[in-house]
Amino acid sequence: METRELRYFVAVAEELHFGRAAQRLGMAQPPLSRAIAQLERRLGAALLERTSRGVTLTTAGAVLLREARAALDAVDAAERRTRRAAGGAPGVVLVTKAAASAELLARLLDAYAAEPGAVPVEVLLCGPGEQERFLRDGRADVGLLHRPFDATAGLDVEELGTEGQVVLLPAGHPLTGRPSVRLADLEELPGLPAARWPRRDGTYPEGPGPQVRDHAQLLQLIGLGRTSAVLPESVRRHLRDEIAAVPVVDAPAVTTVIAWPPQSRSRAVADLVRTATRVYSSPRTISAA
């Protein structure tokens, strides 16, 4: 299979509509349909179920979508890393969500810079849930992620620590007088609809809550009484007076991990990982919020 065919198939499989996929690819629909039909003949399997109601993936198609995404990410990663090497960039790129793991990141960078043979570290700040994609497509070499919010399947990881979660509410909200709450207490909070984060394609899910792009925007909206949020407990250290935090006793624990692609053979990445585990094991507490 050619990478061109895989890109065609992924577009159709994600859009589940040949017209939209063709528009996304910048091509006419007939040649796209022919390319997919040719791919199906070569594989000897139907990848898409076409009916008058639309297009759906077959079992074989779902498998190819998963594998095609991984293959295309690997191709993109190889190209990006090769270009970086050719451009003489000697360092390592670390990706983390903006406003996340701030204290750990600062301590990690300071500790690594003191290591013999340390190379420059470029910090790439991204939006929620983007670290995994940046690691897979070669834009970053190593990253700080937070389970269960970030997916780490297929990446090598080292766990750095685990913490509970709190709900952030406008100061003075009735729930702020409680020592703790449960997730059931937070369902449909009057006047505080849940914030909506962008999907991978940049669109937002439907709902009454405000659209947010980063944690700074989220905290401002909470302080204004427009929304609430459940976040890692260490977010407390960044709160202003207009926001209160209440422990959520049955919220899933959040684990901070350092992750890297399994095919990495970078000594700088290995040294950075070792430094991160040492920094976290020291007595001070990290901020993973």
C-alpha atoms as a PDB file:
ATOM      1  CA  MET A   1       0.000   0.000   0.000  1.00  0.00           C
ATOM      2  CA  GLU A   2       1.119   3.554  -0.725  1.00  0.00           C
ATOM      3  CA  THR A   3       0.951   6.347   1.810  1.00  0.00           C
ATOM      4  CA  ARG A   4      -1.273   8.222  -0.654  1.00  0.00           C
ATOM      5  CA  GLU A   5      -3.835   5.406  -0.508  1.00  0.00           C
ATOM      6  CA  LEU A   6      -3.701   5.350   3.275  1.00  0.00           C
ATOM      7  CA  ARG A   7      -4.314   9.104   3.455  1.00  0.00           C
ATOM      8  CA  TYR A   8      -7.279   8.727   1.109  1.00  0.00           C
ATOM      9  CA  PHE A   9      -8.744   5.920   3.192  1.00  0.00           C
ATOM     10  CA  VAL A  10      -8.234   7.718   6.524  1.00  0.00           C
ATOM     11  CA  ALA A  11     -10.016  10.810   5.182  1.00  0.00           C
ATOM     12  CA  VAL A  12     -13.026   8.762   4.069  1.00  0.00           C
ATOM     13  CA  ALA A  13     -13.060   6.682   7.261  1.00  0.00           C
ATOM     14  CA  GLU A  14     -12.983   9.771   9.468  1.00  0.00           C
ATOM     15  CA  GLU A  15     -15.518  11.758   7.479  1.00  0.00           C
ATOM     16  CA  LEU A  16     -17.731   8.750   6.608  1.00  0.00           C
ATOM     17  CA  HIS A  17     -18.705  10.736   3.540  1.00  0.00           C
ATOM     18  CA  PHE A  18     -16.934  10.633   0.177  1.00  0.00           C
ATOM     19  CA  GLY A  19     -17.863  14.202  -0.728  1.00  0.00           C
ATOM     20  CA  ARG A  20     -16.495  15.714   2.490  1.00  0.00           C
ATOM     21  CA  ALA A  21     -13.402  13.522   2.305  1.00  0.00           C
ATOM     22  CA  ALA A  22     -12.725  14.642  -1.269  1.00  0.00           C
ATOM     23  CA  GLN A  23     -13.113  18.269  -0.234  1.00  0.00           C
ATOM     24  CA  ARG A  24     -10.734  17.728   2.689  1.00  0.00           C
ATOM     25  CA  LEU A  25      -8.160  16.151   0.353  1.00  0.00           C
ATOM     26  CA  GLY A  26      -8.573  18.841  -2.304  1.00  0.00           C
ATOM     27  CA  MET A  27      -9.596  16.431  -5.037  1.00  0.00           C
ATOM     28  CA  ALA A  28     -12.668  15.359  -7.002  1.00  0.00           C
ATOM     29  CA  GLN A  29     -14.896  12.626  -5.608  1.00  0.00           C
ATOM     30  CA  PRO A  30     -14.801  10.124  -8.556  1.00  0.00           C
ATOM     31  CA  PRO A  31     -11.023   9.446  -8.413  1.00  0.00           C
ATOM     32  CA  LEU A  32     -11.250   9.141  -4.624  1.00  0.00           C
ATOM     33  CA  SER A  33     -14.004   6.521  -4.932  1.00  0.00           C
ATOM     34  CA  ARG A  34     -11.965   4.634  -7.519  1.00  0.00           C
ATOM     35  CA  ALA A  35      -8.865   4.683  -5.295  1.00  0.00           C
ATOM     36  CA  ILE A  36     -10.788   3.237  -2.340  1.00  0.00           C
ATOM     37  CA  ALA A  37     -12.374   0.547  -4.530  1.00  0.00           C
ATOM     38  CA  GLN A  38      -8.933  -0.371  -5.885  1.00  0.00           C
ATOM     39  CA  LEU A  39      -7.560  -0.601  -2.343  1.00  0.00           C
ATOM     40  CA  GLU A  40     -10.405  -2.923  -1.356  1.00  0.00           C
ATOM     41  CA  ARG A  41      -9.742  -5.170  -4.370  1.00  0.00           C
ATOM     42  CA  ARG A  42      -6.038  -5.346  -3.572  1.00  0.00           C
ATOM     43  CA  LEU A  43      -6.708  -6.266   0.060  1.00  0.00           C
ATOM     44  CA  GLY A  44      -9.523  -8.632  -0.812  1.00  0.00           C
ATOM     45  CA  ALA A  45     -11.751  -7.105   1.844  1.00  0.00           C
ATOM     46  CA  ALA A  46     -14.587  -4.599   2.034  1.00  0.00           C
ATOM     47  CA  LEU A  47     -13.431  -1.632   4.094  1.00  0.00           C
ATOM     48  CA  LEU A  48     -16.568   0.482   3.915  1.00  0.00           C
ATOM     49  CA  GLU A  49     -20.258  -0.339   3.926  1.00  0.00           C
ATOM     50  CA  ARG A  50     -22.041   1.949   1.487  1.00  0.00           C
ATOM     51  CA  THR A  51     -25.807   2.355   1.825  1.00  0.00           C
ATOM     52  CA  SER A  52     -28.379   4.968   0.903  1.00  0.00           C
ATOM     53  CA  ARG A  53     -28.151   6.232   4.492  1.00  0.00           C
ATOM     54  CA  GLY A  54     -24.409   6.785   4.431  1.00  0.00           C
ATOM     55  CA  VAL A  55     -21.010   5.157   4.850  1.00  0.00           C
ATOM     56  CA  THR A  56     -19.886   3.000   7.771  1.00  0.00           C
ATOM     57  CA  LEU A  57     -16.680   1.113   8.545  1.00  0.00           C
ATOM     58  CA  THR A  58     -16.555  -2.664   8.326  1.00  0.00           C
ATOM     59  CA  THR A  59     -14.565  -4.653  10.876  1.00  0.00           C
ATOM     60  CA  ALA A  60     -11.676  -4.796   8.410  1.00  0.00           C
ATOM     61  CA  GLY A  61     -12.015  -1.072   7.794  1.00  0.00           C
ATOM     62  CA  ALA A  62     -11.789  -0.294  11.515  1.00  0.00           C
ATOM     63  CA  VAL A  63      -8.572  -2.323  11.716  1.00  0.00           C
ATOM     64  CA  LEU A  64      -7.074  -0.535   8.723  1.00  0.00           C
ATOM     65  CA  LEU A  65      -8.046   2.869  10.110  1.00  0.00           C
ATOM     66  CA  ARG A  66      -6.159   2.169  13.330  1.00  0.00           C
ATOM     67  CA  GLU A  67      -3.125   0.790  11.515  1.00  0.00           C
ATOM     68  CA  ALA A  68      -3.170   3.494   8.830  1.00  0.00           C
ATOM     69  CA  ARG A  69      -3.153   6.278  11.406  1.00  0.00           C
ATOM     70  CA  ALA A  70      -0.155   4.700  13.134  1.00  0.00           C
ATOM     71  CA  ALA A  71       1.651   4.204   9.815  1.00  0.00           C
ATOM     72  CA  LEU A  72       1.036   7.774   8.659  1.00  0.00           C
ATOM     73  CA  ASP A  73       2.132   9.154  12.034  1.00  0.00           C
ATOM     74  CA  ALA A  74       5.356   7.127  11.711  1.00  0.00           C
ATOM     75  CA  VAL A  75       5.981   8.508   8.206  1.00  0.00           C
ATOM     76  CA  ASP A  76       5.359  12.077   9.384  1.00  0.00           C
ATOM     77  CA  ALA A  77       7.588  11.510  12.408  1.00  0.00           C
ATOM     78  CA  ALA A  78      10.446  10.180  10.265  1.00  0.00           C
ATOM     79  CA  GLU A  79      10.202  13.195   7.971  1.00  0.00           C
ATOM     80  CA  ARG A  80      10.101  15.750  10.790  1.00  0.00           C
ATOM     81  CA  ARG A  81      12.972  14.203  12.731  1.00  0.00           C
ATOM     82  CA  THR A  82      15.081  13.889   9.595  1.00  0.00           C
ATOM     83  CA  ARG A  83      14.492  17.544   8.747  1.00  0.00           C
ATOM     84  CA  ARG A  84      15.387  18.569  12.288  1.00  0.00           C
ATOM     85  CA  ALA A  85      18.609  16.543  12.120  1.00  0.00           C
ATOM     86  CA  ALA A  86      19.469  17.988   8.709  1.00  0.00           C
ATOM     87  CA  GLY A  87      18.856  21.483  10.045  1.00  0.00           C
ATOM     88  CA  GLY A  88      21.435  20.954  12.750  1.00  0.00           C
ATOM     89  CA  ALA A  89      18.986  21.119  15.658  1.00  0.00           C
ATOM     90  CA  PRO A  90      20.878  19.168  18.335  1.00  0.00           C
ATOM     91  CA  GLY A  91      18.387  19.313  21.180  1.00  0.00           C
ATOM     92  CA  VAL A  92      15.324  17.430  22.345  1.00  0.00           C
ATOM     93  CA  VAL A  93      11.723  18.646  22.126  1.00  0.00           C
ATOM     94  CA  LEU A  94       9.541  18.174  25.204  1.00  0.00           C
ATOM     95  CA  VAL A  95       5.775  18.674  24.860  1.00  0.00           C
ATOM     96  CA  THR A  96       3.403  19.435  27.708  1.00  0.00           C
ATOM     97  CA  LYS A  97      -0.052  20.878  28.067  1.00  0.00           C
ATOM     98  CA  ALA A  98       0.024  24.627  28.652  1.00  0.00           C
ATOM     99  CA  ALA A  99      -0.261  25.423  32.384  1.00  0.00           C
ATOM    100  CA  ALA A 100       0.218  21.746  33.319  1.00  0.00           C
ATOM    101  CA  SER A 101       2.983  20.257  35.501  1.00  0.00           C
ATOM    102  CA  ALA A 102       4.479  23.731  35.887  1.00  0.00           C
ATOM    103  CA  GLU A 103       6.554  23.086  39.004  1.00  0.00           C
ATOM    104  CA  LEU A 104       7.739  19.656  37.860  1.00  0.00           C
ATOM    105  CA  LEU A 105       8.704  21.047  34.468  1.00  0.00           C
ATOM    106  CA  ALA A 106      10.784  23.879  35.933  1.00  0.00           C
ATOM    107  CA  ARG A 107      12.578  21.541  38.338  1.00  0.00           C
ATOM    108  CA  LEU A 108      13.103  18.951  35.594  1.00  0.00           C
ATOM    109  CA  LEU A 109      14.668  21.458  33.200  1.00  0.00           C
ATOM    110  CA  ASP A 110      16.971  22.839  35.899  1.00  0.00           C
ATOM    111  CA  ALA A 111      18.069  19.373  37.026  1.00  0.00           C
ATOM    112  CA  TYR A 112      18.633  18.112  33.487  1.00  0.00           C
ATOM    113  CA  ALA A 113      20.642  21.210  32.499  1.00  0.00           C
ATOM    114  CA  ALA A 114      23.073  20.347  35.309  1.00  0.00           C
ATOM    115  CA  GLU A 115      23.653  16.822  33.947  1.00  0.00           C
ATOM    116  CA  PRO A 116      26.910  16.062  32.061  1.00  0.00           C
ATOM    117  CA  GLY A 117      26.205  15.939  28.345  1.00  0.00           C
ATOM    118  CA  ALA A 118      22.875  17.751  28.608  1.00  0.00           C
ATOM    119  CA  VAL A 119      21.551  19.118  25.315  1.00  0.00           C
ATOM    120  CA  PRO A 120      19.188  22.084  24.780  1.00  0.00           C
ATOM    121  CA  VAL A 121      15.543  21.306  25.561  1.00  0.00           C
ATOM    122  CA  GLU A 122      12.860  23.020  23.523  1.00  0.00           C
ATOM    123  CA  VAL A 123       9.547  23.160  25.404  1.00  0.00           C
ATOM    124  CA  LEU A 124       6.474  22.855  23.202  1.00  0.00           C
ATOM    125  CA  LEU A 125       3.249  23.974  24.896  1.00  0.00           C
ATOM    126  CA  CYS A 126       0.089  22.473  23.446  1.00  0.00           C
ATOM    127  CA  GLY A 127      -3.636  22.299  24.027  1.00  0.00           C
ATOM    128  CA  PRO A 128      -5.470  19.612  26.020  1.00  0.00           C
ATOM    129  CA  GLY A 129      -4.954  16.088  24.715  1.00  0.00           C
ATOM    130  CA  GLU A 130      -2.453  17.050  22.006  1.00  0.00           C
ATOM    131  CA  GLN A 131       0.723  15.665  23.616  1.00  0.00           C
ATOM    132  CA  GLU A 132       0.111  12.124  22.357  1.00  0.00           C
ATOM    133  CA  ARG A 133      -0.334  13.272  18.758  1.00  0.00           C
ATOM    134  CA  PHE A 134       2.824  15.416  18.902  1.00  0.00           C
ATOM    135  CA  LEU A 135       4.841  12.437  20.154  1.00  0.00           C
ATOM    136  CA  ARG A 136       3.473  10.125  17.476  1.00  0.00           C
ATOM    137  CA  ASP A 137       3.951  12.457  14.502  1.00  0.00           C
ATOM    138  CA  GLY A 138       7.480  13.554  15.393  1.00  0.00           C
ATOM    139  CA  ARG A 139       6.880  17.110  16.535  1.00  0.00           C
ATOM    140  CA  ALA A 140       8.120  16.136  20.012  1.00  0.00           C
ATOM    141  CA  ASP A 141      10.580  13.590  21.393  1.00  0.00           C
ATOM    142  CA  VAL A 142       9.263  13.274  24.947  1.00  0.00           C
ATOM    143  CA  GLY A 143       6.233  14.572  26.830  1.00  0.00           C
ATOM    144  CA  LEU A 144       4.465  14.974  30.144  1.00  0.00           C
ATOM    145  CA  LEU A 145       0.984  13.419  30.060  1.00  0.00           C
ATOM    146  CA  HIS A 146      -1.758  12.847  32.581  1.00  0.00           C
ATOM    147  CA  ARG A 147      -3.833   9.696  32.807  1.00  0.00           C
ATOM    148  CA  PRO A 148      -6.770   9.190  32.424  1.00  0.00           C
ATOM    149  CA  PHE A 149      -7.103  12.420  30.414  1.00  0.00           C
ATOM    150  CA  ASP A 150      -4.295  11.609  27.942  1.00  0.00           C
ATOM    151  CA  ALA A 151      -3.950   8.333  26.023  1.00  0.00           C
ATOM    152  CA  THR A 152      -0.582   6.594  26.296  1.00  0.00           C
ATOM    153  CA  ALA A 153      -1.262   3.329  24.430  1.00  0.00           C
ATOM    154  CA  GLY A 154       1.713   2.433  22.237  1.00  0.00           C
ATOM    155  CA  LEU A 155       4.077   4.848  23.996  1.00  0.00           C
ATOM    156  CA  ASP A 156       6.798   3.986  26.494  1.00  0.00           C
ATOM    157  CA  VAL A 157       6.086   5.636  29.854  1.00  0.00           C
ATOM    158  CA  GLU A 158       7.441   6.101  33.345  1.00  0.00           C
ATOM    159  CA  GLU A 159       4.951   7.006  36.065  1.00  0.00           C
ATOM    160  CA  LEU A 160       5.947  10.040  38.110  1.00  0.00           C
ATOM    161  CA  GLY A 161       3.122  10.302  40.654  1.00  0.00           C
ATOM    162  CA  THR A 162      -0.586  10.114  41.372  1.00  0.00           C
ATOM    163  CA  GLU A 163      -3.022  12.550  42.988  1.00  0.00           C
ATOM    164  CA  GLY A 164      -6.738  13.025  43.599  1.00  0.00           C
ATOM    165  CA  GLN A 165      -9.067  15.565  42.012  1.00  0.00           C
ATOM    166  CA  VAL A 166     -11.031  18.602  43.172  1.00  0.00           C
ATOM    167  CA  VAL A 167     -13.957  20.499  41.729  1.00  0.00           C
ATOM    168  CA  LEU A 168     -13.323  24.178  41.079  1.00  0.00           C
ATOM    169  CA  LEU A 169     -16.299  26.406  41.830  1.00  0.00           C
ATOM    170  CA  PRO A 170     -16.913  30.136  42.125  1.00  0.00           C
ATOM    171  CA  ALA A 171     -16.201  31.279  45.672  1.00  0.00           C
ATOM    172  CA  GLY A 172     -19.425  31.379  47.678  1.00  0.00           C
ATOM    173  CA  HIS A 173     -21.131  28.547  45.782  1.00  0.00           C
ATOM    174  CA  PRO A 174     -23.214  26.388  48.193  1.00  0.00           C
ATOM    175  CA  LEU A 175     -21.026  23.328  47.608  1.00  0.00           C
ATOM    176  CA  THR A 176     -17.873  25.166  48.744  1.00  0.00           C
ATOM    177  CA  GLY A 177     -19.051  24.828  52.332  1.00  0.00           C
ATOM    178  CA  ARG A 178     -18.703  21.040  52.229  1.00  0.00           C
ATOM    179  CA  PRO A 179     -15.494  19.204  53.177  1.00  0.00           C
ATOM    180  CA  SER A 180     -15.895  16.977  50.087  1.00  0.00           C
ATOM    181  CA  VAL A 181     -18.363  16.073  47.346  1.00  0.00           C
ATOM    182  CA  ARG A 182     -19.103  13.127  45.056  1.00  0.00           C
ATOM    183  CA  LEU A 183     -19.433  13.167  41.267  1.00  0.00           C
ATOM    184  CA  ALA A 184     -23.198  12.713  41.610  1.00  0.00           C
ATOM    185  CA  ASP A 185     -23.333  16.037  43.476  1.00  0.00           C
ATOM    186  CA  LEU A 186     -21.899  17.791  40.424  1.00  0.00           C
ATOM    187  CA  GLU A 187     -24.415  16.606  37.859  1.00  0.00           C
ATOM    188  CA  GLU A 188     -26.187  19.518  36.225  1.00  0.00           C
ATOM    189  CA  LEU A 189     -24.982  22.201  38.629  1.00  0.00           C
ATOM    190  CA  PRO A 190     -27.488  25.076  38.310  1.00  0.00           C
ATOM    191  CA  GLY A 191     -26.003  27.901  36.264  1.00  0.00           C
ATOM    192  CA  LEU A 192     -22.630  26.139  35.885  1.00  0.00           C
ATOM    193  CA  PRO A 193     -22.761  24.043  32.695  1.00  0.00           C
ATOM    194  CA  ALA A 194     -19.613  22.026  31.997  1.00  0.00           C
ATOM    195  CA  ALA A 195     -17.009  23.710  29.796  1.00  0.00           C
ATOM    196  CA  ARG A 196     -16.520  22.307  26.287  1.00  0.00           C
ATOM    197  CA  TRP A 197     -12.998  21.489  25.074  1.00  0.00           C
ATOM    198  CA  PRO A 198     -12.181  21.270  21.340  1.00  0.00           C
ATOM    199  CA  ARG A 199     -12.046  17.911  19.612  1.00  0.00           C
ATOM    200  CA  ARG A 200      -8.982  16.775  17.661  1.00  0.00           C
ATOM    201  CA  ASP A 201     -10.331  18.470  14.510  1.00  0.00           C
ATOM    202  CA  GLY A 202     -10.843  21.773  16.330  1.00  0.00           C
ATOM    203  CA  THR A 203     -14.640  21.586  16.525  1.00  0.00           C
ATOM    204  CA  TYR A 204     -16.554  21.673  19.800  1.00  0.00           C
ATOM    205  CA  PRO A 205     -19.167  19.188  21.042  1.00  0.00           C
ATOM    206  CA  GLU A 206     -22.720  20.457  21.366  1.00  0.00           C
ATOM    207  CA  GLY A 207     -23.824  21.674  24.778  1.00  0.00           C
ATOM    208  CA  PRO A 208     -24.740  24.705  26.871  1.00  0.00           C
ATOM    209  CA  GLY A 209     -21.309  25.175  28.479  1.00  0.00           C
ATOM    210  CA  PRO A 210     -18.747  27.764  27.336  1.00  0.00           C
ATOM    211  CA  GLN A 211     -16.091  26.860  24.782  1.00  0.00           C
ATOM    212  CA  VAL A 212     -12.578  26.892  26.259  1.00  0.00           C
ATOM    213  CA  ARG A 213      -9.126  26.556  24.702  1.00  0.00           C
ATOM    214  CA  ASP A 214      -6.779  26.549  27.706  1.00  0.00           C
ATOM    215  CA  HIS A 215      -6.684  26.457  31.498  1.00  0.00           C
ATOM    216  CA  ALA A 216      -6.193  30.205  31.901  1.00  0.00           C
ATOM    217  CA  GLN A 217      -9.464  30.809  30.063  1.00  0.00           C
ATOM    218  CA  LEU A 218     -11.163  28.054  32.083  1.00  0.00           C
ATOM    219  CA  LEU A 219     -10.107  29.529  35.428  1.00  0.00           C
ATOM    220  CA  GLN A 220     -11.321  32.977  34.440  1.00  0.00           C
ATOM    221  CA  LEU A 221     -14.737  31.604  33.456  1.00  0.00           C
ATOM    222  CA  ILE A 222     -15.002  29.685  36.749  1.00  0.00           C
ATOM    223  CA  GLY A 223     -14.173  32.860  38.687  1.00  0.00           C
ATOM    224  CA  LEU A 224     -16.902  34.687  36.766  1.00  0.00           C
ATOM    225  CA  GLY A 225     -19.435  32.017  37.723  1.00  0.00           C
ATOM    226  CA  ARG A 226     -19.908  30.707  34.179  1.00  0.00           C
ATOM    227  CA  THR A 227     -18.711  27.095  34.601  1.00  0.00           C
ATOM    228  CA  SER A 228     -17.040  24.562  36.914  1.00  0.00           C
ATOM    229  CA  ALA A 229     -14.356  21.927  36.391  1.00  0.00           C
ATOM    230  CA  VAL A 230     -12.893  18.803  37.988  1.00  0.00           C
ATOM    231  CA  LEU A 231      -9.078  18.962  37.896  1.00  0.00           C
ATOM    232  CA  PRO A 232      -6.051  17.441  39.676  1.00  0.00           C
ATOM    233  CA  GLU A 233      -5.704  18.484  43.303  1.00  0.00           C
ATOM    234  CA  SER A 234      -2.427  20.312  42.767  1.00  0.00           C
ATOM    235  CA  VAL A 235      -4.281  22.990  40.806  1.00  0.00           C
ATOM    236  CA  ARG A 236      -4.987  24.564  44.214  1.00  0.00           C
ATOM    237  CA  ARG A 237      -1.658  26.396  44.216  1.00  0.00           C
ATOM    238  CA  HIS A 238      -2.673  28.384  41.104  1.00  0.00           C
ATOM    239  CA  LEU A 239      -6.110  29.526  42.307  1.00  0.00           C
ATOM    240  CA  ARG A 240      -7.186  33.092  42.890  1.00  0.00           C
ATOM    241  CA  ASP A 241      -9.510  34.240  45.697  1.00  0.00           C
ATOM    242  CA  GLU A 242     -12.601  34.063  43.506  1.00  0.00           C
ATOM    243  CA  ILE A 243     -12.247  30.290  43.004  1.00  0.00           C
ATOM    244  CA  ALA A 244     -12.689  27.553  45.614  1.00  0.00           C
ATOM    245  CA  ALA A 245     -11.633  23.898  45.417  1.00  0.00           C
ATOM    246  CA  VAL A 246     -13.519  20.992  47.002  1.00  0.00           C
ATOM    247  CA  PRO A 247     -12.184  17.393  46.992  1.00  0.00           C
ATOM    248  CA  VAL A 248     -14.173  14.947  44.841  1.00  0.00           C
ATOM    249  CA  VAL A 249     -13.824  11.683  46.735  1.00  0.00           C
ATOM    250  CA  ASP A 250     -14.914   9.327  43.929  1.00  0.00           C
ATOM    251  CA  ALA A 251     -13.192  11.047  40.985  1.00  0.00           C
ATOM    252  CA  PRO A 252     -10.529   8.905  39.283  1.00  0.00           C
ATOM    253  CA  ALA A 253      -6.957   9.512  40.403  1.00  0.00           C
ATOM    254  CA  VAL A 254      -4.686  11.406  37.994  1.00  0.00           C
ATOM    255  CA  THR A 255      -1.258   9.961  37.241  1.00  0.00           C
ATOM    256  CA  THR A 256       1.471  12.139  35.749  1.00  0.00           C
ATOM    257  CA  VAL A 257       3.746  10.228  33.378  1.00  0.00           C
ATOM    258  CA  ILE A 258       6.689  11.029  31.144  1.00  0.00           C
ATOM    259  CA  ALA A 259       6.249   9.360  27.747  1.00  0.00           C
ATOM    260  CA  TRP A 260       8.253   8.854  24.564  1.00  0.00           C
ATOM    261  CA  PRO A 261       7.912   6.874  21.283  1.00  0.00           C
ATOM    262  CA  PRO A 262       8.981   3.229  21.710  1.00  0.00           C
ATOM    263  CA  GLN A 263      11.361   3.400  18.747  1.00  0.00           C
ATOM    264  CA  SER A 264      13.357   6.249  20.309  1.00  0.00           C
ATOM    265  CA  ARG A 265      17.085   5.579  20.698  1.00  0.00           C
ATOM    266  CA  SER A 266      17.929   9.076  21.876  1.00  0.00           C
ATOM    267  CA  ARG A 267      20.373   9.266  24.766  1.00  0.00           C
ATOM    268  CA  ALA A 268      19.048  12.749  25.564  1.00  0.00           C
ATOM    269  CA  VAL A 269      15.512  11.367  25.954  1.00  0.00           C
ATOM    270  CA  ALA A 270      16.774   8.554  28.190  1.00  0.00           C
ATOM    271  CA  ASP A 271      18.696  11.043  30.351  1.00  0.00           C
ATOM    272  CA  LEU A 272      15.653  13.325  30.564  1.00  0.00           C
ATOM    273  CA  VAL A 273      13.451  10.416  31.678  1.00  0.00           C
ATOM    274  CA  ARG A 274      15.935   9.386  34.361  1.00  0.00           C
ATOM    275  CA  THR A 275      16.134  12.964  35.590  1.00  0.00           C
ATOM    276  CA  ALA A 276      12.323  13.223  35.743  1.00  0.00           C
ATOM    277  CA  THR A 277      12.017  10.105  37.903  1.00  0.00           C
ATOM    278  CA  ARG A 278      14.722  11.410  40.236  1.00  0.00           C
ATOM    279  CA  VAL A 279      13.150  14.876  40.477  1.00  0.00           C
ATOM    280  CA  TYR A 280       9.742  13.471  41.300  1.00  0.00           C
ATOM    281  CA  SER A 281      11.118  11.147  43.991  1.00  0.00           C
ATOM    282  CA  SER A 282      12.545  14.136  45.884  1.00  0.00           C
ATOM    283  CA  PRO A 283      10.501  15.425  48.859  1.00  0.00           C
ATOM    284  CA  ARG A 284       8.863  18.427  47.153  1.00  0.00           C
ATOM    285  CA  THR A 285       5.461  18.001  45.541  1.00  0.00           C
ATOM    286  CA  ILE A 286       4.945  18.561  41.829  1.00  0.00           C
ATOM    287  CA  SER A 287       2.118  20.495  40.225  1.00  0.00           C
ATOM    288  CA  ALA A 288       0.380  18.265  37.705  1.00  0.00           C
ATOM    289  CA  ALA A 289      -2.705  20.382  37.197  1.00  0.00           C
END
